[in-house]
Each structure stands twice: as structure tokens, then as C-alpha cells.
Amino acid sequence: MIHPALAILALVWIGLSLGSTAMAQIAIAPLAGVLDEDTSKVTFRVTNPSARELDIALGWTDLQALPSGLYRRSTAQERAFASAAPYLQVSPATLRLAPGDSALVTVQRRGKAPFRRGEYRSHLTLTATYAKALMRKVSASLPIDMGIAVSIPLIIEHRPKAASVNLSSINLSRNADGLLDLNVEIARQGEATWHGHLQATLPNGAQWQQPLRLFPETSINLRAIPLGVSALPEGDLTLTLIKRGGHDPIAIKTVTIGPP
């Protein structure tokens, strides 16, 4: 049976050399925010699950999704056309969290409504450093700026055309370790981000899900999902796309696994 980790919190681990190996962590939930005509603000819980006090700065960046699910930085033209940051404010802008502590962060709309119909998006970033008292004790080779520890999308929906999705193809391949990967191609259309999950039902009846967020700039989305096994039992492997908040499949595709 396959047990892939489901993303409930955005956890990013950054290794630091503090004599013995230590890890800085930030957790934030939920993993995205959507604002529309009916929702003017969203609240996130930021947690420090590490053993060190953290200073966290919050800000904005603009990223474009790639078909693989990774990101690249937006160009100036893309930012001018689709950045949500000019219409958003985050409070507070900085946090200091003791080990195990949490704090609430609010993002809300400001100013006039976006000028065009569609979707605007920026990523809320959280940049972490260890508190100053600790930083003075560590090696001089440790960079003070640890970089962006986590970023999550904030979306303004201004009457966009709804997204539609379909499973274009699925196939199995074997990776360098001899284990199986499930390769999925998902097609999407429309002006809005599609939120939902991909569900797999294996020939032995086992199921797992992977959250999906498919952005407007990518009409074809490719996902390579490691299955962690060298073989699957004979029978049908079925994939379904299920929209967030729904239960009925949006798209279904099945492949038949032959005998070993």
C-alpha cells in the first residue's frame, strides 16, 4: 500500500550549522488564500515548530507556474498585468516566534478593485532568521539571510471564467532506483485557478490523494508521482480529478496493469 505524504501544512526545512546539525522550520496553514467579491480577507496561522526562536519577515513576490508544478519569477510585464500585491496588505509584517509558538497573519484587500476581469496572483513570502541573540553565537560563515523559507499563493478572483480540467494521459515509468513513477498529464482551460486533488485507486483497492492547484498560465500540467514500489498488482489503476469542496469526479481515466 502506498502512503504519500499529504500537504496539510507548508513545512520548509533549512539546514544550519550550529555545532551539531539543526533545522529551522516554518509552518503555515492554509496553503493558499482566495479573495473575491464576497471575501475581503483571509487569516493564516504561522507556527515555529523548531527548537529556536525565529524572526520572520513577511512580504510579496510574483511567480509564474511551470507545467511541472515548479515556478519561475514573473517578468515586469507579467507583474504589471496580473500581480495581486498592489491590492493586498498583510498584517503584521514581522513576527518573532518562540519555539512551538503560533501567530495569526491577516491578508486583506485594499484600494480599488482590479481593472480587468480575471485572476490576479502574488505569493506571500515568509523569510526566517534565527533571533539576533542566537545569531551572535554561531559561526561567522553562517549567512544572516536564510532566504525565502516558504511562499504561498494569494489570489484575487475578479469574475474570472471558471477553469475546466481533463486528464490527457497517464503512464508508468521506472526511475533510476528501479521504482515506478506515475506520469500524469492534465489539461486545463479558463481564467481561474483550479483547486482540487488527484485521487488514485490501485488494483488492490488502496487509494491515495494528492492536492492540486493548477494556475491559468499553464494549459498543460505534468506531474511525476513516485509510487515507491517496483511492481503493481494486476488489474485497473484509476485516476480521478475532484474539485475542492466536491465529491463527484470531474475527470476519470483508467489504465490496466498486466500480469507481472
Protein backbone atom coordinates (compact mmCIF):
# COMPACT_ATOMS: atom_id res chain seq x y z
CA MET A 1 0.00 0.00 0.00
CA ILE A 2 1.30 3.46 -0.87
CA HIS A 3 1.39 6.18 1.73
CA PRO A 4 2.41 9.50 0.11
CA ALA A 5 2.55 12.46 2.46
CA LEU A 6 -0.37 14.83 2.03
CA ALA A 7 0.39 18.54 2.30
CA ILE A 8 -1.56 19.86 5.28
CA LEU A 9 0.99 22.46 6.34
CA ALA A 10 3.66 24.14 4.26
CA LEU A 11 6.83 22.92 6.01
CA VAL A 12 10.20 24.07 4.76
CA TRP A 13 13.40 22.87 6.37
CA ILE A 14 16.56 24.96 6.16
CA GLY A 15 19.76 23.39 7.41
CA LEU A 16 22.07 25.43 9.62
CA SER A 17 25.46 24.60 11.10
CA LEU A 18 25.23 25.29 14.85
CA GLY A 19 27.95 22.94 16.06
CA SER A 20 25.63 19.97 15.66
CA THR A 21 23.14 19.92 12.78
CA ALA A 22 19.97 21.94 13.48
CA MET A 23 16.97 22.70 11.32
CA ALA A 24 14.86 25.85 11.09
CA GLN A 25 11.24 25.28 10.22
CA ILE A 26 8.21 27.37 9.41
CA ALA A 27 4.68 26.05 9.13
CA ILE A 28 1.73 27.94 7.67
CA ALA A 29 -1.88 26.93 7.14
CA PRO A 30 -3.88 27.03 4.97
CA LEU A 31 -1.69 26.68 1.89
CA ALA A 32 -3.36 29.41 -0.19
CA GLY A 33 -5.84 32.27 0.05
CA VAL A 34 -8.58 33.29 -2.36
CA LEU A 35 -10.30 36.68 -2.23
CA ASP A 36 -13.35 37.59 -4.32
CA GLU A 37 -16.39 39.86 -4.22
CA ASP A 38 -17.64 38.02 -1.11
CA THR A 39 -14.33 37.53 0.72
CA SER A 40 -12.21 40.57 1.59
CA LYS A 41 -9.66 38.96 3.93
CA VAL A 42 -8.10 35.63 4.85
CA THR A 43 -6.27 34.57 8.01
CA PHE A 44 -3.28 32.23 8.27
CA ARG A 45 -1.69 30.56 11.26
CA VAL A 46 2.13 30.67 11.27
CA THR A 47 3.91 28.23 13.58
CA ASN A 48 7.51 27.78 14.67
CA PRO A 49 7.90 24.03 15.28
CA SER A 50 11.70 24.35 15.66
CA ALA A 51 13.70 24.45 18.88
CA ARG A 52 14.96 28.02 18.19
CA GLU A 53 13.39 31.44 18.40
CA LEU A 54 12.74 32.81 14.90
CA ASP A 55 12.37 36.28 13.43
CA ILE A 56 10.07 36.12 10.40
CA ALA A 57 9.55 38.84 7.80
CA LEU A 58 6.50 38.74 5.53
CA GLY A 59 6.43 40.16 2.02
CA TRP A 60 5.38 39.55 -1.57
CA THR A 61 6.82 38.04 -4.70
CA ASP A 62 5.33 37.30 -8.12
CA LEU A 63 5.84 33.87 -9.66
CA GLN A 64 4.66 32.10 -12.79
CA ALA A 65 3.80 28.41 -12.69
CA LEU A 66 5.59 25.96 -14.99
CA PRO A 67 3.95 22.82 -16.42
CA SER A 68 5.99 20.71 -13.96
CA GLY A 69 4.44 22.45 -10.96
CA LEU A 70 7.60 24.47 -10.25
CA TYR A 71 7.81 28.27 -10.55
CA ARG A 72 9.86 31.00 -12.18
CA ARG A 73 9.96 34.70 -11.33
CA SER A 74 7.46 36.84 -13.19
CA THR A 75 8.66 39.36 -15.74
CA ALA A 76 7.92 43.06 -15.32
CA GLN A 77 5.18 42.80 -17.94
CA GLU A 78 3.59 39.81 -16.18
CA ARG A 79 3.69 41.63 -12.84
CA ALA A 80 2.03 44.70 -14.33
CA PHE A 81 -0.75 42.59 -15.82
CA ALA A 82 -1.54 40.09 -13.06
CA SER A 83 0.13 40.96 -9.73
CA ALA A 84 -2.23 40.92 -6.74
CA ALA A 85 0.27 42.62 -4.40
CA PRO A 86 -0.86 46.21 -5.19
CA TYR A 87 -4.35 45.29 -3.97
CA LEU A 88 -3.29 43.45 -0.79
CA GLN A 89 -1.90 44.27 2.62
CA VAL A 90 -0.52 41.85 5.20
CA SER A 91 -0.57 42.35 8.97
CA PRO A 92 1.66 42.05 10.89
CA ALA A 93 4.67 42.48 8.61
CA THR A 94 7.10 40.83 11.05
CA LEU A 95 6.86 38.10 13.67
CA ARG A 96 9.06 36.80 16.46
CA LEU A 97 8.07 33.29 17.46
CA ALA A 98 9.45 31.28 20.35
CA PRO A 99 9.77 27.51 19.87
CA GLY A 100 6.34 25.97 19.46
CA ASP A 101 4.53 29.32 19.30
CA SER A 102 1.97 30.34 16.68
CA ALA A 103 0.62 33.66 15.46
CA LEU A 104 -2.18 34.76 13.16
CA VAL A 105 -1.45 36.72 9.98
CA THR A 106 -4.20 38.53 8.06
CA VAL A 107 -4.20 39.41 4.37
CA GLN A 108 -6.95 41.74 3.16
CA ARG A 109 -7.96 43.74 0.14
CA ARG A 110 -7.09 47.42 -0.09
CA GLY A 111 -7.75 50.20 -2.55
CA LYS A 112 -9.93 49.99 -5.63
CA ALA A 113 -10.94 46.80 -7.39
CA PRO A 114 -8.74 45.37 -10.17
CA PHE A 115 -9.44 46.98 -13.53
CA ARG A 116 -9.89 43.84 -15.64
CA ARG A 117 -11.94 40.70 -15.30
CA GLY A 118 -9.93 37.60 -14.46
CA GLU A 119 -7.48 36.48 -11.82
CA TYR A 120 -4.62 38.27 -10.04
CA ARG A 121 -1.99 36.42 -8.01
CA SER A 122 1.03 37.09 -5.83
CA HIS A 123 2.84 34.84 -3.37
CA LEU A 124 3.05 35.70 0.30
CA THR A 125 6.61 35.01 1.43
CA LEU A 126 7.95 34.28 4.90
CA THR A 127 11.68 34.77 5.37
CA ALA A 128 13.16 33.39 8.60
CA THR A 129 16.32 34.13 10.55
CA TYR A 130 17.27 32.97 14.00
CA ALA A 131 16.78 35.69 16.62
CA LYS A 132 19.69 38.13 16.96
CA ALA A 133 20.88 36.82 20.33
CA LEU A 134 21.40 33.39 18.79
CA MET A 135 22.93 34.72 15.57
CA ARG A 136 25.83 36.29 17.53
CA LYS A 137 26.78 32.87 18.88
CA VAL A 138 27.03 30.99 15.60
CA SER A 139 29.88 30.68 13.14
CA ALA A 140 30.78 33.77 11.11
CA SER A 141 30.38 31.63 8.00
CA LEU A 142 26.63 31.34 8.56
CA PRO A 143 24.72 33.63 6.17
CA ILE A 144 22.41 36.00 8.06
CA ASP A 145 19.82 35.96 5.26
CA MET A 146 18.42 32.44 5.07
CA GLY A 147 16.29 33.28 2.03
CA ILE A 148 12.61 32.66 1.48
CA ALA A 149 11.56 29.81 3.73
CA VAL A 150 8.05 29.40 2.39
CA SER A 151 5.70 31.07 -0.06
CA ILE A 152 2.00 30.53 -0.70
CA PRO A 153 -0.28 31.95 -3.40
CA LEU A 154 -2.78 34.73 -2.67
CA ILE A 155 -5.39 35.01 -5.41
CA ILE A 156 -7.87 37.76 -6.21
CA GLU A 157 -10.73 36.50 -8.35
CA HIS A 158 -12.47 39.29 -10.25
CA ARG A 159 -15.30 37.44 -12.05
CA PRO A 160 -12.95 35.08 -13.94
CA LYS A 161 -14.12 32.47 -16.40
CA ALA A 162 -14.18 29.19 -14.44
CA ALA A 163 -11.47 26.62 -15.10
CA SER A 164 -12.13 23.23 -16.66
CA VAL A 165 -9.74 20.30 -16.43
CA ASN A 166 -9.24 16.91 -18.04
CA LEU A 167 -6.82 14.00 -17.73
CA SER A 168 -4.95 13.91 -21.05
CA SER A 169 -2.76 10.88 -20.41
CA ILE A 170 -1.28 8.66 -17.72
CA ASN A 171 1.53 6.16 -17.92
CA LEU A 172 4.04 4.34 -15.73
CA SER A 173 7.81 4.66 -15.95
CA ARG A 174 10.71 3.31 -13.95
CA ASN A 175 13.11 5.75 -12.27
CA ALA A 176 16.86 5.41 -11.68
CA ASP A 177 16.24 3.45 -8.47
CA GLY A 178 14.13 0.88 -10.31
CA LEU A 179 10.88 2.06 -8.71
CA LEU A 180 7.72 3.06 -10.54
CA ASP A 181 6.66 6.66 -11.23
CA LEU A 182 3.14 7.59 -12.28
CA ASN A 183 3.30 10.23 -15.03
CA VAL A 184 0.14 12.30 -15.43
CA GLU A 185 -0.71 14.99 -18.00
CA ILE A 186 -3.58 17.30 -17.01
CA ALA A 187 -5.11 19.81 -19.43
CA ARG A 188 -6.84 22.95 -18.12
CA GLN A 189 -8.71 25.91 -19.62
CA GLY A 190 -10.25 29.10 -18.26
CA GLU A 191 -9.14 32.24 -16.43
CA ALA A 192 -9.27 30.90 -12.85
CA THR A 193 -7.00 28.62 -10.85
CA TRP A 194 -8.39 25.11 -10.45
CA HIS A 195 -8.29 23.86 -6.86
CA GLY A 196 -8.80 20.21 -6.07
CA HIS A 197 -6.98 16.92 -5.81
CA LEU A 198 -5.86 13.94 -7.83
CA GLN A 199 -7.08 10.60 -6.48
CA ALA A 200 -5.62 7.24 -7.43
CA THR A 201 -7.29 3.88 -6.88
CA LEU A 202 -4.83 1.00 -7.20
CA PRO A 203 -5.68 -2.50 -8.43
CA ASN A 204 -5.68 -3.81 -4.84
CA GLY A 205 -8.28 -1.20 -3.82
CA ALA A 206 -5.87 1.09 -1.96
CA GLN A 207 -6.40 4.83 -2.51
CA TRP A 208 -4.37 7.99 -2.08
CA GLN A 209 -4.82 11.64 -2.91
CA GLN A 210 -2.51 14.47 -3.92
CA PRO A 211 -3.65 18.11 -3.62
CA LEU A 212 -3.51 20.07 -6.88
CA ARG A 213 -3.58 23.77 -7.68
CA LEU A 214 -3.50 24.42 -11.44
CA PHE A 215 -2.83 28.02 -12.46
CA PRO A 216 -4.17 29.86 -15.55
CA GLU A 217 -0.81 30.33 -17.26
CA THR A 218 -0.29 26.58 -17.75
CA SER A 219 -2.67 24.85 -20.16
CA ILE A 220 -0.81 21.54 -19.79
CA ASN A 221 0.34 20.33 -16.37
CA LEU A 222 2.74 17.43 -15.96
CA ARG A 223 3.11 15.51 -12.71
CA ALA A 224 5.57 12.69 -11.98
CA ILE A 225 4.40 10.93 -8.83
CA PRO A 226 6.77 8.40 -7.23
CA LEU A 227 4.87 5.26 -6.24
CA GLY A 228 7.68 3.83 -4.12
CA VAL A 229 7.20 0.26 -5.37
CA SER A 230 8.87 -1.83 -8.08
CA ALA A 231 5.65 -3.51 -9.24
CA LEU A 232 1.88 -3.15 -9.06
CA PRO A 233 -0.68 -5.94 -8.81
CA GLU A 234 -2.61 -6.94 -11.90
CA GLY A 235 -5.82 -5.01 -12.52
CA ASP A 236 -7.09 -1.46 -13.15
CA LEU A 237 -5.40 1.72 -11.90
CA THR A 238 -7.92 4.57 -11.94
CA LEU A 239 -7.18 8.28 -11.61
CA THR A 240 -9.84 10.90 -10.90
CA LEU A 241 -9.76 14.68 -10.58
CA ILE A 242 -12.04 16.01 -7.84
CA LYS A 243 -12.74 19.73 -7.40
CA ARG A 244 -12.17 21.31 -4.00
CA GLY A 245 -15.30 21.07 -1.90
CA GLY A 246 -16.81 18.43 -4.17
CA HIS A 247 -17.12 14.66 -4.12
CA ASP A 248 -18.03 13.76 -7.70
CA PRO A 249 -15.16 13.14 -10.16
CA ILE A 250 -14.54 15.87 -12.74
CA ALA A 251 -12.44 13.55 -14.93
CA ILE A 252 -11.65 9.83 -14.81
CA LYS A 253 -9.01 7.80 -16.62
CA THR A 254 -8.10 4.12 -16.17
CA VAL A 255 -5.10 2.04 -17.22
CA THR A 256 -4.94 -1.74 -16.98
CA ILE A 257 -1.91 -3.25 -15.26
CA GLY A 258 -0.91 -6.54 -16.84
CA PRO A 259 0.39 -9.62 -15.02
CA PRO A 260 3.94 -9.38 -13.62
